[in-house]
Amino acid sequence: MTLQGLRVWMLLSVCLPGLVSASGWVLRADDWARPRSAVVLVALQPLPQAVTALHKQAGSRLVIRYPGGEMGLLWAKELRAWLAALGVPPARLELTPGSSTPNDIEIELID
């Protein structure tokens, strides 16, 4: 990620508070259903907060816990592809089935 890209993520994480669960962040299906572009994704809560937290902790990873089934897996893969395209190293993104609700992706920062 470029320095400018990191600054954008950090600025958005401060200016736009997102949904935070006890174990991390929650991305709602309703929010994801909007048309997507790089501009939309860098502002889509809670992604700026999660990416900023990832960059602050060297060696950490984001676990993307998605709803089970084919649709959940496709959603998680698309999210991972967008994050990678925006500069997040794919090796630091882990997809795992088992979101606690069928309409949410749960994102957790782990060491």
C-alpha atoms as a PDB file:
ATOM      1  CA  MET A   1       0.000   0.000   0.000  1.00  0.00           C
ATOM      2  CA  THR A   2       1.323   3.434  -0.836  1.00  0.00           C
ATOM      3  CA  LEU A   3       1.861   6.059   1.813  1.00  0.00           C
ATOM      4  CA  GLN A   4      -0.999   8.084   0.345  1.00  0.00           C
ATOM      5  CA  GLY A   5      -3.291   5.022   0.415  1.00  0.00           C
ATOM      6  CA  LEU A   6      -2.388   4.353   4.029  1.00  0.00           C
ATOM      7  CA  ARG A   7      -3.152   7.973   4.893  1.00  0.00           C
ATOM      8  CA  VAL A   8      -6.593   7.661   3.275  1.00  0.00           C
ATOM      9  CA  TRP A   9      -7.342   4.485   5.269  1.00  0.00           C
ATOM     10  CA  MET A  10      -6.179   6.146   8.498  1.00  0.00           C
ATOM     11  CA  LEU A  11      -8.150   9.339   7.893  1.00  0.00           C
ATOM     12  CA  LEU A  12     -11.313   7.408   7.128  1.00  0.00           C
ATOM     13  CA  SER A  13     -10.911   5.220  10.190  1.00  0.00           C
ATOM     14  CA  VAL A  14     -10.828   8.300  12.405  1.00  0.00           C
ATOM     15  CA  CYS A  15     -13.595  10.216  10.655  1.00  0.00           C
ATOM     16  CA  LEU A  16     -16.064   7.397  10.063  1.00  0.00           C
ATOM     17  CA  PRO A  17     -16.627   5.117  13.052  1.00  0.00           C
ATOM     18  CA  GLY A  18     -17.818   1.621  12.086  1.00  0.00           C
ATOM     19  CA  LEU A  19     -19.593  -1.252  13.665  1.00  0.00           C
ATOM     20  CA  VAL A  20     -17.426  -3.039  16.175  1.00  0.00           C
ATOM     21  CA  SER A  21     -18.274  -6.340  17.803  1.00  0.00           C
ATOM     22  CA  ALA A  22     -16.576  -7.816  20.843  1.00  0.00           C
ATOM     23  CA  SER A  23     -14.231  -9.781  18.590  1.00  0.00           C
ATOM     24  CA  GLY A  24     -13.646  -7.219  15.837  1.00  0.00           C
ATOM     25  CA  TRP A  25     -15.786  -5.602  13.177  1.00  0.00           C
ATOM     26  CA  VAL A  26     -18.981  -6.481  11.325  1.00  0.00           C
ATOM     27  CA  LEU A  27     -19.675  -5.874   7.632  1.00  0.00           C
ATOM     28  CA  ARG A  28     -23.402  -6.036   6.896  1.00  0.00           C
ATOM     29  CA  ALA A  29     -24.794  -7.566   3.696  1.00  0.00           C
ATOM     30  CA  ASP A  30     -27.033  -4.516   3.192  1.00  0.00           C
ATOM     31  CA  ASP A  31     -23.988  -2.248   3.140  1.00  0.00           C
ATOM     32  CA  TRP A  32     -22.109  -4.569   0.776  1.00  0.00           C
ATOM     33  CA  ALA A  33     -25.097  -4.690  -1.622  1.00  0.00           C
ATOM     34  CA  ARG A  34     -24.395  -1.166  -2.873  1.00  0.00           C
ATOM     35  CA  PRO A  35     -22.469  -0.714  -6.140  1.00  0.00           C
ATOM     36  CA  ARG A  36     -18.763  -1.136  -5.413  1.00  0.00           C
ATOM     37  CA  SER A  37     -15.722   0.821  -6.531  1.00  0.00           C
ATOM     38  CA  ALA A  38     -12.381   1.648  -4.931  1.00  0.00           C
ATOM     39  CA  VAL A  39     -13.803   4.956  -3.687  1.00  0.00           C
ATOM     40  CA  VAL A  40     -16.785   3.210  -2.092  1.00  0.00           C
ATOM     41  CA  LEU A  41     -14.661   0.462  -0.527  1.00  0.00           C
ATOM     42  CA  VAL A  42     -12.174   2.751   1.207  1.00  0.00           C
ATOM     43  CA  ALA A  43     -15.110   4.461   2.933  1.00  0.00           C
ATOM     44  CA  LEU A  44     -17.234   1.354   3.582  1.00  0.00           C
ATOM     45  CA  GLN A  45     -17.416   0.763   7.310  1.00  0.00           C
ATOM     46  CA  PRO A  46     -15.787  -1.035   9.012  1.00  0.00           C
ATOM     47  CA  LEU A  47     -13.068  -1.671   6.416  1.00  0.00           C
ATOM     48  CA  PRO A  48     -10.955   1.462   7.075  1.00  0.00           C
ATOM     49  CA  GLN A  49     -10.768   0.644  10.787  1.00  0.00           C
ATOM     50  CA  ALA A  50      -9.878  -2.996  10.195  1.00  0.00           C
ATOM     51  CA  VAL A  51      -7.160  -2.181   7.646  1.00  0.00           C
ATOM     52  CA  THR A  52      -5.686   0.544   9.855  1.00  0.00           C
ATOM     53  CA  ALA A  53      -5.546  -1.878  12.794  1.00  0.00           C
ATOM     54  CA  LEU A  54      -3.891  -4.473  10.558  1.00  0.00           C
ATOM     55  CA  HIS A  55      -1.172  -2.034   9.477  1.00  0.00           C
ATOM     56  CA  LYS A  56      -0.502  -0.993  13.072  1.00  0.00           C
ATOM     57  CA  GLN A  57       0.276  -4.575  14.176  1.00  0.00           C
ATOM     58  CA  ALA A  58       3.141  -6.136  12.249  1.00  0.00           C
ATOM     59  CA  GLY A  59       2.618  -9.827  11.617  1.00  0.00           C
ATOM     60  CA  SER A  60      -1.112  -9.703  12.323  1.00  0.00           C
ATOM     61  CA  ARG A  61      -3.860 -10.999  10.018  1.00  0.00           C
ATOM     62  CA  LEU A  62      -7.481 -10.203   9.361  1.00  0.00           C
ATOM     63  CA  VAL A  63      -9.737 -13.226   9.708  1.00  0.00           C
ATOM     64  CA  ILE A  64     -12.773 -12.779   7.470  1.00  0.00           C
ATOM     65  CA  ARG A  65     -15.486 -15.018   8.930  1.00  0.00           C
ATOM     66  CA  TYR A  66     -18.234 -15.358   6.340  1.00  0.00           C
ATOM     67  CA  PRO A  67     -21.715 -16.945   6.305  1.00  0.00           C
ATOM     68  CA  GLY A  68     -21.605 -20.573   5.197  1.00  0.00           C
ATOM     69  CA  GLY A  69     -22.563 -21.734   1.750  1.00  0.00           C
ATOM     70  CA  GLU A  70     -21.597 -20.724  -1.744  1.00  0.00           C
ATOM     71  CA  MET A  71     -22.962 -17.178  -1.516  1.00  0.00           C
ATOM     72  CA  GLY A  72     -21.043 -16.481   1.689  1.00  0.00           C
ATOM     73  CA  LEU A  73     -17.833 -17.820   0.163  1.00  0.00           C
ATOM     74  CA  LEU A  74     -18.280 -15.709  -2.981  1.00  0.00           C
ATOM     75  CA  TRP A  75     -18.860 -12.618  -0.825  1.00  0.00           C
ATOM     76  CA  ALA A  76     -15.720 -13.306   1.214  1.00  0.00           C
ATOM     77  CA  LYS A  77     -13.606 -13.940  -1.892  1.00  0.00           C
ATOM     78  CA  GLU A  78     -14.790 -10.700  -3.468  1.00  0.00           C
ATOM     79  CA  LEU A  79     -13.994  -8.789  -0.276  1.00  0.00           C
ATOM     80  CA  ARG A  80     -10.518 -10.344  -0.149  1.00  0.00           C
ATOM     81  CA  ALA A  81      -9.924  -9.467  -3.824  1.00  0.00           C
ATOM     82  CA  TRP A  82     -10.949  -5.843  -3.236  1.00  0.00           C
ATOM     83  CA  LEU A  83      -8.748  -5.512  -0.166  1.00  0.00           C
ATOM     84  CA  ALA A  84      -5.801  -6.998  -2.071  1.00  0.00           C
ATOM     85  CA  ALA A  85      -6.415  -4.634  -5.001  1.00  0.00           C
ATOM     86  CA  LEU A  86      -6.357  -1.738  -2.535  1.00  0.00           C
ATOM     87  CA  GLY A  87      -2.959  -2.797  -1.212  1.00  0.00           C
ATOM     88  CA  VAL A  88      -3.617  -5.221   1.640  1.00  0.00           C
ATOM     89  CA  PRO A  89      -1.229  -8.194   1.299  1.00  0.00           C
ATOM     90  CA  PRO A  90      -3.357 -11.308   0.577  1.00  0.00           C
ATOM     91  CA  ALA A  91      -1.166 -13.366   2.917  1.00  0.00           C
ATOM     92  CA  ARG A  92      -2.562 -11.259   5.768  1.00  0.00           C
ATOM     93  CA  LEU A  93      -6.189 -12.093   4.893  1.00  0.00           C
ATOM     94  CA  GLU A  94      -7.683 -15.397   6.064  1.00  0.00           C
ATOM     95  CA  LEU A  95     -11.124 -16.618   4.972  1.00  0.00           C
ATOM     96  CA  THR A  96     -13.032 -18.780   7.449  1.00  0.00           C
ATOM     97  CA  PRO A  97     -16.664 -19.963   7.310  1.00  0.00           C
ATOM     98  CA  GLY A  98     -18.870 -19.567  10.345  1.00  0.00           C
ATOM     99  CA  SER A  99     -20.184 -16.026  10.729  1.00  0.00           C
ATOM    100  CA  SER A 100     -22.628 -15.907  13.634  1.00  0.00           C
ATOM    101  CA  THR A 101     -25.370 -14.437  11.413  1.00  0.00           C
ATOM    102  CA  PRO A 102     -26.225 -15.167   7.768  1.00  0.00           C
ATOM    103  CA  ASN A 103     -26.170 -11.504   6.720  1.00  0.00           C
ATOM    104  CA  ASP A 104     -22.828 -10.450   8.179  1.00  0.00           C
ATOM    105  CA  ILE A 105     -19.144 -10.914   7.637  1.00  0.00           C
ATOM    106  CA  GLU A 106     -17.208 -10.711  10.881  1.00  0.00           C
ATOM    107  CA  ILE A 107     -13.654  -9.374  10.676  1.00  0.00           C
ATOM    108  CA  GLU A 108     -11.195 -10.109  13.448  1.00  0.00           C
ATOM    109  CA  LEU A 109      -7.599  -8.978  13.897  1.00  0.00           C
ATOM    110  CA  ILE A 110      -5.351 -11.772  15.156  1.00  0.00           C
ATOM    111  CA  ASP A 111      -1.619 -12.041  15.836  1.00  0.00           C
END
